[in-house]
């Protein structure tokens, strides 16, 4: 999961930087995916420590959830993009990429935590009555 967090952080950082330069460096909001990516990268670096792994990855998934909520409005404008009537097509594209990457990351993270919990439960001996 830590490797995936590094990959997601890198993809989002690149998406934000590309979106910023695609907008001729006129919009600081184009860097929002990069900001999310940097926060996830920081969480991934912290997650390298075994004792902090679970908390850091939970933080990364919380960031992903906030990012999904924040980009959803622009993703709803995808129809306008295809119709050629989108007011800010670069923003719609960057938001959609961010949304999809974060959604996949969140789903993988939830699945990972469910598997870990089931594994820990299977490893814990049950207290059978004597």
C-alpha atoms as a PDB file:
ATOM      1  CA  UNK A   1       0.000   0.000   0.000  1.00  0.00           C
ATOM      2  CA  UNK A   2       2.932   2.319   0.668  1.00  0.00           C
ATOM      3  CA  UNK A   3       4.237   1.779  -2.857  1.00  0.00           C
ATOM      4  CA  UNK A   4       0.806   2.613  -4.242  1.00  0.00           C
ATOM      5  CA  UNK A   5       0.725   5.785  -2.133  1.00  0.00           C
ATOM      6  CA  UNK A   6       4.077   6.839  -3.612  1.00  0.00           C
ATOM      7  CA  UNK A   7       2.773   6.159  -7.134  1.00  0.00           C
ATOM      8  CA  UNK A   8      -0.485   8.051  -6.551  1.00  0.00           C
ATOM      9  CA  UNK A   9       1.371  10.969  -4.992  1.00  0.00           C
ATOM     10  CA  UNK A  10       3.704  11.136  -7.968  1.00  0.00           C
ATOM     11  CA  UNK A  11       0.886  10.909 -10.518  1.00  0.00           C
ATOM     12  CA  UNK A  12      -1.102  13.650  -8.811  1.00  0.00           C
ATOM     13  CA  UNK A  13       1.911  15.901  -8.445  1.00  0.00           C
ATOM     14  CA  UNK A  14       2.683  15.502 -12.143  1.00  0.00           C
ATOM     15  CA  UNK A  15      -0.973  16.100 -13.040  1.00  0.00           C
ATOM     16  CA  UNK A  16      -1.022  19.353 -11.088  1.00  0.00           C
ATOM     17  CA  UNK A  17       2.228  20.630 -12.568  1.00  0.00           C
ATOM     18  CA  UNK A  18       1.132  19.726 -16.105  1.00  0.00           C
ATOM     19  CA  UNK A  19      -2.268  21.381 -15.567  1.00  0.00           C
ATOM     20  CA  UNK A  20      -0.574  24.502 -14.217  1.00  0.00           C
ATOM     21  CA  UNK A  21       1.661  24.893 -17.249  1.00  0.00           C
ATOM     22  CA  UNK A  22      -1.169  23.934 -19.629  1.00  0.00           C
ATOM     23  CA  UNK A  23      -3.103  26.900 -18.232  1.00  0.00           C
ATOM     24  CA  UNK A  24      -0.105  29.150 -19.073  1.00  0.00           C
ATOM     25  CA  UNK A  25       0.649  29.423 -15.344  1.00  0.00           C
ATOM     26  CA  UNK A  26      -2.385  31.661 -14.977  1.00  0.00           C
ATOM     27  CA  UNK A  27      -4.319  29.629 -12.432  1.00  0.00           C
ATOM     28  CA  UNK A  28      -2.937  28.584  -9.067  1.00  0.00           C
ATOM     29  CA  UNK A  29      -5.928  26.269  -8.608  1.00  0.00           C
ATOM     30  CA  UNK A  30      -4.424  24.062 -11.316  1.00  0.00           C
ATOM     31  CA  UNK A  31      -1.883  23.065  -8.659  1.00  0.00           C
ATOM     32  CA  UNK A  32      -4.531  21.503  -6.400  1.00  0.00           C
ATOM     33  CA  UNK A  33      -3.809  17.957  -7.691  1.00  0.00           C
ATOM     34  CA  UNK A  34      -0.116  18.586  -6.987  1.00  0.00           C
ATOM     35  CA  UNK A  35      -0.929  19.709  -3.444  1.00  0.00           C
ATOM     36  CA  UNK A  36      -2.939  16.536  -2.865  1.00  0.00           C
ATOM     37  CA  UNK A  37      -0.091  14.519  -4.373  1.00  0.00           C
ATOM     38  CA  UNK A  38       2.512  16.104  -2.111  1.00  0.00           C
ATOM     39  CA  UNK A  39       0.365  15.424   0.968  1.00  0.00           C
ATOM     40  CA  UNK A  40      -0.033  11.781  -0.073  1.00  0.00           C
ATOM     41  CA  UNK A  41       3.724  11.556  -0.737  1.00  0.00           C
ATOM     42  CA  UNK A  42       4.413  12.881   2.771  1.00  0.00           C
ATOM     43  CA  UNK A  43       2.043  10.264   4.207  1.00  0.00           C
ATOM     44  CA  UNK A  44       3.823   7.588   2.142  1.00  0.00           C
ATOM     45  CA  UNK A  45       7.193   8.656   3.518  1.00  0.00           C
ATOM     46  CA  UNK A  46       5.827   8.487   7.067  1.00  0.00           C
ATOM     47  CA  UNK A  47       4.266   5.082   6.297  1.00  0.00           C
ATOM     48  CA  UNK A  48       7.718   3.616   5.717  1.00  0.00           C
ATOM     49  CA  UNK A  49       8.065   3.409   9.515  1.00  0.00           C
ATOM     50  CA  UNK A  50       6.259   0.222  10.592  1.00  0.00           C
ATOM     51  CA  UNK A  51       4.766   1.777  13.742  1.00  0.00           C
ATOM     52  CA  UNK A  52       3.336   4.719  11.801  1.00  0.00           C
ATOM     53  CA  UNK A  53       2.221   2.823   8.713  1.00  0.00           C
ATOM     54  CA  UNK A  54      -1.432   2.335   9.561  1.00  0.00           C
ATOM     55  CA  UNK A  55      -1.959   5.929  10.738  1.00  0.00           C
ATOM     56  CA  UNK A  56      -0.090   7.436   7.808  1.00  0.00           C
ATOM     57  CA  UNK A  57      -2.022   5.390   5.265  1.00  0.00           C
ATOM     58  CA  UNK A  58      -5.285   6.277   6.967  1.00  0.00           C
ATOM     59  CA  UNK A  59      -4.269   9.936   6.618  1.00  0.00           C
ATOM     60  CA  UNK A  60      -3.465   9.382   2.929  1.00  0.00           C
ATOM     61  CA  UNK A  61      -6.887   7.809   2.400  1.00  0.00           C
ATOM     62  CA  UNK A  62      -8.571  10.709   4.216  1.00  0.00           C
ATOM     63  CA  UNK A  63      -6.763  13.096   1.865  1.00  0.00           C
ATOM     64  CA  UNK A  64      -7.960  10.988  -1.049  1.00  0.00           C
ATOM     65  CA  UNK A  65     -11.546  11.169   0.185  1.00  0.00           C
ATOM     66  CA  UNK A  66     -11.353  14.949   0.495  1.00  0.00           C
ATOM     67  CA  UNK A  67      -9.820  15.143  -2.974  1.00  0.00           C
ATOM     68  CA  UNK A  68     -12.617  13.024  -4.425  1.00  0.00           C
ATOM     69  CA  UNK A  69     -15.214  15.294  -2.841  1.00  0.00           C
ATOM     70  CA  UNK A  70     -13.401  18.395  -4.066  1.00  0.00           C
ATOM     71  CA  UNK A  71     -13.043  17.290  -7.672  1.00  0.00           C
ATOM     72  CA  UNK A  72     -16.508  15.800  -8.100  1.00  0.00           C
ATOM     73  CA  UNK A  73     -18.077  19.073  -9.240  1.00  0.00           C
ATOM     74  CA  UNK A  74     -15.673  19.457 -12.163  1.00  0.00           C
ATOM     75  CA  UNK A  75     -16.069  15.788 -13.085  1.00  0.00           C
ATOM     76  CA  UNK A  76     -19.797  16.458 -13.485  1.00  0.00           C
ATOM     77  CA  UNK A  77     -18.851  18.840 -16.317  1.00  0.00           C
ATOM     78  CA  UNK A  78     -17.373  16.003 -18.375  1.00  0.00           C
ATOM     79  CA  UNK A  79     -20.408  16.091 -20.682  1.00  0.00           C
ATOM     80  CA  UNK A  80     -19.716  19.752 -21.423  1.00  0.00           C
ATOM     81  CA  UNK A  81     -16.134  18.842 -22.260  1.00  0.00           C
ATOM     82  CA  UNK A  82     -17.248  16.239 -24.798  1.00  0.00           C
ATOM     83  CA  UNK A  83     -19.807  18.665 -26.225  1.00  0.00           C
ATOM     84  CA  UNK A  84     -17.084  21.302 -26.616  1.00  0.00           C
ATOM     85  CA  UNK A  85     -18.854  23.803 -24.380  1.00  0.00           C
ATOM     86  CA  UNK A  86     -16.755  23.471 -21.216  1.00  0.00           C
ATOM     87  CA  UNK A  87     -15.682  26.834 -19.856  1.00  0.00           C
ATOM     88  CA  UNK A  88     -12.369  25.492 -18.512  1.00  0.00           C
ATOM     89  CA  UNK A  89     -11.566  22.231 -20.313  1.00  0.00           C
ATOM     90  CA  UNK A  90      -8.121  21.862 -18.719  1.00  0.00           C
ATOM     91  CA  UNK A  91      -9.684  22.043 -15.259  1.00  0.00           C
ATOM     92  CA  UNK A  92     -12.235  19.371 -16.164  1.00  0.00           C
ATOM     93  CA  UNK A  93      -9.513  17.069 -17.503  1.00  0.00           C
ATOM     94  CA  UNK A  94      -7.202  17.579 -14.507  1.00  0.00           C
ATOM     95  CA  UNK A  95     -10.087  17.107 -12.071  1.00  0.00           C
ATOM     96  CA  UNK A  96     -11.226  13.944 -13.810  1.00  0.00           C
ATOM     97  CA  UNK A  97      -7.730  12.444 -13.758  1.00  0.00           C
ATOM     98  CA  UNK A  98      -7.401  13.378 -10.076  1.00  0.00           C
ATOM     99  CA  UNK A  99     -10.843  11.960  -9.275  1.00  0.00           C
ATOM    100  CA  UNK A 100     -10.188   8.623 -10.989  1.00  0.00           C
ATOM    101  CA  UNK A 101      -6.700   8.190  -9.494  1.00  0.00           C
ATOM    102  CA  UNK A 102      -7.955   9.006  -5.996  1.00  0.00           C
ATOM    103  CA  UNK A 103     -11.003   6.768  -6.368  1.00  0.00           C
ATOM    104  CA  UNK A 104      -8.824   3.801  -7.355  1.00  0.00           C
ATOM    105  CA  UNK A 105      -6.430   4.596  -4.487  1.00  0.00           C
ATOM    106  CA  UNK A 106      -9.284   4.814  -1.985  1.00  0.00           C
ATOM    107  CA  UNK A 107     -10.811   1.530  -3.170  1.00  0.00           C
ATOM    108  CA  UNK A 108      -7.432  -0.232  -3.019  1.00  0.00           C
ATOM    109  CA  UNK A 109      -6.774   1.203   0.426  1.00  0.00           C
ATOM    110  CA  UNK A 110     -10.107   0.084   1.817  1.00  0.00           C
ATOM    111  CA  UNK A 111      -9.605  -3.396   0.361  1.00  0.00           C
ATOM    112  CA  UNK A 112      -6.116  -3.525   1.850  1.00  0.00           C
ATOM    113  CA  UNK A 113      -7.315  -2.571   5.322  1.00  0.00           C
ATOM    114  CA  UNK A 114     -10.163  -5.103   5.163  1.00  0.00           C
ATOM    115  CA  UNK A 115      -7.691  -7.858   4.176  1.00  0.00           C
ATOM    116  CA  UNK A 116      -5.320  -6.840   6.981  1.00  0.00           C
ATOM    117  CA  UNK A 117      -8.108  -6.882   9.540  1.00  0.00           C
ATOM    118  CA  UNK A 118      -9.281 -10.328   8.395  1.00  0.00           C
ATOM    119  CA  UNK A 119      -5.696 -11.615   8.499  1.00  0.00           C
ATOM    120  CA  UNK A 120      -5.180 -10.289  12.037  1.00  0.00           C
ATOM    121  CA  UNK A 121      -8.500 -11.819  13.134  1.00  0.00           C
ATOM    122  CA  UNK A 122      -7.490 -15.190  11.676  1.00  0.00           C
ATOM    123  CA  UNK A 123      -4.142 -15.052  13.471  1.00  0.00           C
ATOM    124  CA  UNK A 124      -5.639 -14.235  16.867  1.00  0.00           C
ATOM    125  CA  UNK A 125      -6.553 -17.393  18.767  1.00  0.00           C
ATOM    126  CA  UNK A 126     -10.125 -17.422  19.971  1.00  0.00           C
ATOM    127  CA  UNK A 127     -10.741 -17.788  23.653  1.00  0.00           C
ATOM    128  CA  UNK A 128     -12.523 -21.125  23.841  1.00  0.00           C
ATOM    129  CA  UNK A 129     -14.272 -21.909  27.130  1.00  0.00           C
ATOM    130  CA  UNK A 130     -12.321 -24.336  29.263  1.00  0.00           C
END
